[in-house]
Amino acid sequence: MQYKDLLVKILSAIGYTDGQNALITSLESEDSINISKSVPENVTNIICFGLMPKDICFNASFRPNSFYQTERFSVLLSYNLEKLATSVDNKKALWAALQTEFKK
């Protein structure tokens, strides 16, 4: 995975570690997933990069770096990892959203 180091840094910044209390996974560009039916009961937060609401079977408009609350979990949709890796503004917006959600 090309941007795994970036994902590991993002997780670390909010106190998570891949394989311990978080899971990094990827979809092919043409894939979609019904996230409500795919998420285990114990998951409370999901962060998606480069996906639109329709890609995860949500009926909502795309608001980057905004959490969508469901009955069981919250989902953050952010820009794709290439845009995050190359844009300070996008990184700052993501960091602000993560701080709001995870530093309560």
N, C-alpha and C. Protein backbone atom coordinates (compact mmCIF):
# COMPACT_ATOMS: atom_id res chain seq x y z
N MET A 1 0.85 -1.17 0.00
CA MET A 1 0.00 0.00 0.00
C MET A 1 0.90 1.24 0.00
N GLN A 2 0.68 2.10 -0.96
CA GLN A 2 1.57 3.23 -1.20
C GLN A 2 1.64 4.21 -0.04
N TYR A 3 0.53 4.48 0.62
CA TYR A 3 0.51 5.51 1.66
C TYR A 3 0.35 4.92 3.07
N LYS A 4 0.80 3.70 3.27
CA LYS A 4 0.64 3.06 4.57
C LYS A 4 1.33 3.86 5.68
N ASP A 5 2.52 4.40 5.41
CA ASP A 5 3.21 5.20 6.43
C ASP A 5 2.38 6.39 6.87
N LEU A 6 1.71 7.04 5.93
CA LEU A 6 0.85 8.17 6.26
C LEU A 6 -0.32 7.71 7.13
N LEU A 7 -0.93 6.59 6.77
CA LEU A 7 -2.03 6.07 7.57
C LEU A 7 -1.59 5.71 8.98
N VAL A 8 -0.42 5.11 9.10
CA VAL A 8 0.12 4.75 10.42
C VAL A 8 0.33 6.01 11.26
N LYS A 9 0.83 7.07 10.65
CA LYS A 9 1.05 8.33 11.36
C LYS A 9 -0.28 8.95 11.81
N ILE A 10 -1.28 8.90 10.95
CA ILE A 10 -2.59 9.44 11.30
C ILE A 10 -3.17 8.67 12.49
N LEU A 11 -3.11 7.35 12.42
CA LEU A 11 -3.61 6.53 13.53
C LEU A 11 -2.85 6.83 14.82
N SER A 12 -1.55 6.90 14.73
CA SER A 12 -0.71 7.15 15.90
C SER A 12 -1.06 8.49 16.55
N ALA A 13 -1.35 9.49 15.74
CA ALA A 13 -1.67 10.82 16.26
C ALA A 13 -2.94 10.83 17.10
N ILE A 14 -3.82 9.85 16.88
CA ILE A 14 -5.06 9.79 17.67
C ILE A 14 -5.06 8.60 18.63
N GLY A 15 -3.88 8.00 18.82
CA GLY A 15 -3.74 6.96 19.83
C GLY A 15 -4.12 5.56 19.38
N TYR A 16 -4.06 5.30 18.09
CA TYR A 16 -4.41 3.97 17.57
C TYR A 16 -3.21 3.34 16.87
N THR A 17 -3.21 2.00 16.82
CA THR A 17 -2.14 1.25 16.17
C THR A 17 -2.75 0.19 15.27
N ASP A 18 -2.34 0.16 14.02
CA ASP A 18 -2.83 -0.84 13.08
C ASP A 18 -2.55 -2.24 13.62
N GLY A 19 -3.57 -3.07 13.61
CA GLY A 19 -3.41 -4.45 14.06
C GLY A 19 -3.65 -4.65 15.54
N GLN A 20 -3.71 -3.57 16.31
CA GLN A 20 -3.98 -3.69 17.74
C GLN A 20 -5.37 -3.18 18.07
N ASN A 21 -5.59 -1.90 17.90
CA ASN A 21 -6.90 -1.34 18.17
C ASN A 21 -7.47 -0.61 16.95
N ALA A 22 -6.86 -0.87 15.78
CA ALA A 22 -7.31 -0.29 14.51
C ALA A 22 -6.98 -1.26 13.39
N LEU A 23 -7.65 -1.09 12.28
CA LEU A 23 -7.43 -1.94 11.11
C LEU A 23 -7.36 -1.06 9.87
N ILE A 24 -6.27 -1.17 9.13
CA ILE A 24 -6.13 -0.48 7.85
C ILE A 24 -6.51 -1.47 6.76
N THR A 25 -7.43 -1.07 5.92
CA THR A 25 -7.83 -1.91 4.79
C THR A 25 -8.04 -1.02 3.58
N SER A 26 -8.05 -1.62 2.41
CA SER A 26 -8.23 -0.82 1.19
C SER A 26 -9.23 -1.49 0.26
N LEU A 27 -9.82 -0.66 -0.58
CA LEU A 27 -10.72 -1.12 -1.63
C LEU A 27 -10.11 -0.79 -2.97
N GLU A 28 -10.45 -1.57 -3.96
CA GLU A 28 -10.07 -1.22 -5.33
C GLU A 28 -10.92 -0.03 -5.77
N SER A 29 -10.45 0.72 -6.73
CA SER A 29 -11.12 1.97 -7.12
C SER A 29 -12.56 1.75 -7.58
N GLU A 30 -12.87 0.60 -8.12
CA GLU A 30 -14.24 0.36 -8.60
C GLU A 30 -15.13 -0.29 -7.55
N ASP A 31 -14.59 -0.60 -6.39
CA ASP A 31 -15.34 -1.27 -5.33
C ASP A 31 -16.17 -0.29 -4.51
N SER A 32 -17.22 -0.83 -3.94
CA SER A 32 -17.99 -0.12 -2.93
C SER A 32 -18.30 -1.12 -1.84
N ILE A 33 -18.76 -0.61 -0.69
CA ILE A 33 -19.04 -1.48 0.44
C ILE A 33 -20.23 -0.90 1.20
N ASN A 34 -21.10 -1.79 1.65
CA ASN A 34 -22.18 -1.34 2.52
C ASN A 34 -21.61 -1.35 3.93
N ILE A 35 -21.14 -0.22 4.34
CA ILE A 35 -20.39 -0.12 5.59
C ILE A 35 -21.26 -0.47 6.81
N SER A 36 -22.53 -0.14 6.76
CA SER A 36 -23.41 -0.45 7.89
C SER A 36 -23.54 -1.95 8.14
N LYS A 37 -23.50 -2.72 7.07
CA LYS A 37 -23.62 -4.17 7.19
C LYS A 37 -22.28 -4.86 7.38
N SER A 38 -21.18 -4.15 7.17
CA SER A 38 -19.85 -4.76 7.20
C SER A 38 -19.06 -4.49 8.47
N VAL A 39 -19.50 -3.54 9.26
CA VAL A 39 -18.74 -3.13 10.43
C VAL A 39 -19.11 -3.98 11.65
N PRO A 40 -18.13 -4.56 12.31
CA PRO A 40 -18.42 -5.33 13.53
C PRO A 40 -19.06 -4.45 14.60
N GLU A 41 -19.81 -5.06 15.49
CA GLU A 41 -20.55 -4.35 16.53
C GLU A 41 -19.66 -3.50 17.43
N ASN A 42 -18.43 -3.92 17.67
CA ASN A 42 -17.57 -3.20 18.62
C ASN A 42 -16.84 -2.00 18.00
N VAL A 43 -17.00 -1.75 16.73
CA VAL A 43 -16.35 -0.62 16.07
C VAL A 43 -17.17 0.65 16.29
N THR A 44 -16.50 1.71 16.74
CA THR A 44 -17.21 2.95 17.02
C THR A 44 -16.84 4.09 16.07
N ASN A 45 -15.68 3.99 15.41
CA ASN A 45 -15.23 5.05 14.48
C ASN A 45 -14.63 4.43 13.24
N ILE A 46 -14.93 5.03 12.10
CA ILE A 46 -14.37 4.61 10.82
C ILE A 46 -13.87 5.86 10.11
N ILE A 47 -12.69 5.77 9.54
CA ILE A 47 -12.13 6.87 8.76
C ILE A 47 -11.92 6.35 7.35
N CYS A 48 -12.49 7.04 6.37
CA CYS A 48 -12.39 6.64 4.97
C CYS A 48 -11.65 7.73 4.19
N PHE A 49 -10.71 7.31 3.38
CA PHE A 49 -9.95 8.25 2.56
C PHE A 49 -10.24 7.99 1.09
N GLY A 50 -10.61 9.05 0.39
CA GLY A 50 -10.83 8.95 -1.05
C GLY A 50 -12.14 8.28 -1.43
N LEU A 51 -13.05 8.12 -0.49
CA LEU A 51 -14.35 7.51 -0.80
C LEU A 51 -15.44 8.57 -0.72
N MET A 52 -16.43 8.39 -1.53
CA MET A 52 -17.61 9.25 -1.50
C MET A 52 -18.69 8.52 -0.71
N PRO A 53 -19.69 9.24 -0.21
CA PRO A 53 -20.74 8.57 0.55
C PRO A 53 -21.37 7.39 -0.19
N LYS A 54 -21.60 7.53 -1.49
CA LYS A 54 -22.21 6.44 -2.25
C LYS A 54 -21.32 5.19 -2.26
N ASP A 55 -20.01 5.36 -2.14
CA ASP A 55 -19.09 4.21 -2.14
C ASP A 55 -19.24 3.35 -0.90
N ILE A 56 -19.80 3.93 0.17
CA ILE A 56 -20.01 3.17 1.40
C ILE A 56 -21.50 3.00 1.69
N CYS A 57 -22.32 3.22 0.64
CA CYS A 57 -23.78 3.07 0.71
C CYS A 57 -24.43 4.03 1.69
N PHE A 58 -23.92 5.26 1.73
CA PHE A 58 -24.54 6.33 2.51
C PHE A 58 -25.26 7.25 1.55
N ASN A 59 -26.38 7.75 1.97
CA ASN A 59 -27.13 8.70 1.18
C ASN A 59 -26.91 10.08 1.80
N ALA A 60 -25.80 10.69 1.46
CA ALA A 60 -25.43 12.00 2.03
C ALA A 60 -24.55 12.74 1.03
N SER A 61 -24.46 14.03 1.21
CA SER A 61 -23.54 14.79 0.37
C SER A 61 -22.13 14.68 0.96
N PHE A 62 -21.13 14.87 0.14
CA PHE A 62 -19.74 14.76 0.59
C PHE A 62 -19.32 16.04 1.27
N ARG A 63 -18.98 15.92 2.53
CA ARG A 63 -18.40 17.01 3.30
C ARG A 63 -17.07 16.50 3.81
N PRO A 64 -15.98 16.89 3.19
CA PRO A 64 -14.68 16.36 3.60
C PRO A 64 -14.37 16.69 5.06
N ASN A 65 -13.79 15.72 5.73
CA ASN A 65 -13.35 15.87 7.12
C ASN A 65 -14.49 16.19 8.08
N SER A 66 -15.63 15.61 7.79
CA SER A 66 -16.79 15.72 8.67
C SER A 66 -17.23 14.32 9.08
N PHE A 67 -17.58 14.18 10.35
CA PHE A 67 -18.06 12.90 10.82
C PHE A 67 -19.56 12.79 10.58
N TYR A 68 -19.97 11.62 10.09
CA TYR A 68 -21.38 11.28 9.94
C TYR A 68 -21.69 10.31 11.07
N GLN A 69 -22.70 10.60 11.85
CA GLN A 69 -23.06 9.73 12.97
C GLN A 69 -24.18 8.78 12.55
N THR A 70 -23.99 7.48 12.79
CA THR A 70 -25.04 6.49 12.60
C THR A 70 -25.49 6.04 13.99
N GLU A 71 -26.38 5.09 14.03
CA GLU A 71 -26.83 4.58 15.32
C GLU A 71 -25.72 3.90 16.10
N ARG A 72 -24.78 3.25 15.39
CA ARG A 72 -23.75 2.46 16.06
C ARG A 72 -22.35 3.05 15.99
N PHE A 73 -22.04 3.84 15.01
CA PHE A 73 -20.68 4.31 14.81
C PHE A 73 -20.67 5.64 14.08
N SER A 74 -19.51 6.29 14.06
CA SER A 74 -19.34 7.51 13.27
C SER A 74 -18.33 7.25 12.16
N VAL A 75 -18.53 7.94 11.05
CA VAL A 75 -17.69 7.77 9.86
C VAL A 75 -17.16 9.13 9.44
N LEU A 76 -15.86 9.21 9.24
CA LEU A 76 -15.25 10.41 8.69
C LEU A 76 -14.85 10.12 7.26
N LEU A 77 -15.25 10.99 6.36
CA LEU A 77 -14.82 10.89 4.96
C LEU A 77 -13.82 12.01 4.70
N SER A 78 -12.67 11.65 4.17
CA SER A 78 -11.65 12.64 3.90
C SER A 78 -11.17 12.48 2.45
N TYR A 79 -10.31 13.38 2.05
CA TYR A 79 -9.74 13.33 0.70
C TYR A 79 -8.89 12.08 0.53
N ASN A 80 -8.56 11.77 -0.72
CA ASN A 80 -7.70 10.61 -0.94
C ASN A 80 -6.31 10.89 -0.37
N LEU A 81 -5.57 9.83 -0.16
CA LEU A 81 -4.28 9.95 0.53
C LEU A 81 -3.26 10.76 -0.27
N GLU A 82 -3.34 10.73 -1.58
CA GLU A 82 -2.43 11.54 -2.39
C GLU A 82 -2.66 13.03 -2.12
N LYS A 83 -3.93 13.44 -2.07
CA LYS A 83 -4.24 14.84 -1.78
C LYS A 83 -3.80 15.22 -0.37
N LEU A 84 -3.96 14.31 0.58
CA LEU A 84 -3.51 14.60 1.94
C LEU A 84 -2.00 14.71 2.02
N ALA A 85 -1.31 13.84 1.31
CA ALA A 85 0.15 13.83 1.36
C ALA A 85 0.75 15.09 0.74
N THR A 86 0.01 15.74 -0.15
CA THR A 86 0.58 16.87 -0.89
C THR A 86 -0.04 18.22 -0.54
N SER A 87 -1.01 18.24 0.37
CA SER A 87 -1.67 19.50 0.68
C SER A 87 -1.67 19.76 2.19
N VAL A 88 -0.99 20.80 2.59
CA VAL A 88 -0.95 21.19 4.00
C VAL A 88 -2.35 21.57 4.48
N ASP A 89 -3.12 22.27 3.65
CA ASP A 89 -4.47 22.67 4.03
C ASP A 89 -5.37 21.47 4.30
N ASN A 90 -5.28 20.45 3.44
CA ASN A 90 -6.08 19.24 3.64
C ASN A 90 -5.66 18.51 4.90
N LYS A 91 -4.36 18.46 5.18
CA LYS A 91 -3.87 17.83 6.41
C LYS A 91 -4.39 18.57 7.64
N LYS A 92 -4.36 19.88 7.60
CA LYS A 92 -4.83 20.68 8.74
C LYS A 92 -6.32 20.46 8.98
N ALA A 93 -7.10 20.39 7.91
CA ALA A 93 -8.54 20.17 8.04
C ALA A 93 -8.82 18.78 8.63
N LEU A 94 -8.08 17.78 8.18
CA LEU A 94 -8.22 16.44 8.74
C LEU A 94 -7.84 16.43 10.21
N TRP A 95 -6.73 17.05 10.54
CA TRP A 95 -6.26 17.08 11.93
C TRP A 95 -7.29 17.75 12.83
N ALA A 96 -7.89 18.84 12.38
CA ALA A 96 -8.91 19.53 13.18
C ALA A 96 -10.11 18.61 13.44
N ALA A 97 -10.54 17.88 12.42
CA ALA A 97 -11.67 16.96 12.58
C ALA A 97 -11.32 15.83 13.54
N LEU A 98 -10.11 15.29 13.42
CA LEU A 98 -9.69 14.20 14.30
C LEU A 98 -9.57 14.67 15.74
N GLN A 99 -9.05 15.87 15.95
CA GLN A 99 -8.93 16.42 17.29
C GLN A 99 -10.30 16.58 17.95
N THR A 100 -11.26 17.03 17.16
CA THR A 100 -12.60 17.21 17.69
C THR A 100 -13.21 15.88 18.13
N GLU A 101 -13.02 14.84 17.35
CA GLU A 101 -13.64 13.55 17.63
C GLU A 101 -12.87 12.72 18.67
N PHE A 102 -11.56 12.73 18.60
CA PHE A 102 -10.77 11.78 19.41
C PHE A 102 -10.13 12.38 20.65
N LYS A 103 -10.18 13.66 20.83
CA LYS A 103 -9.56 14.27 22.01
C LYS A 103 -10.62 14.82 22.95
N LYS A 104 -11.74 14.12 23.03
CA LYS A 104 -12.85 14.56 23.87
C LYS A 104 -12.53 14.39 25.34
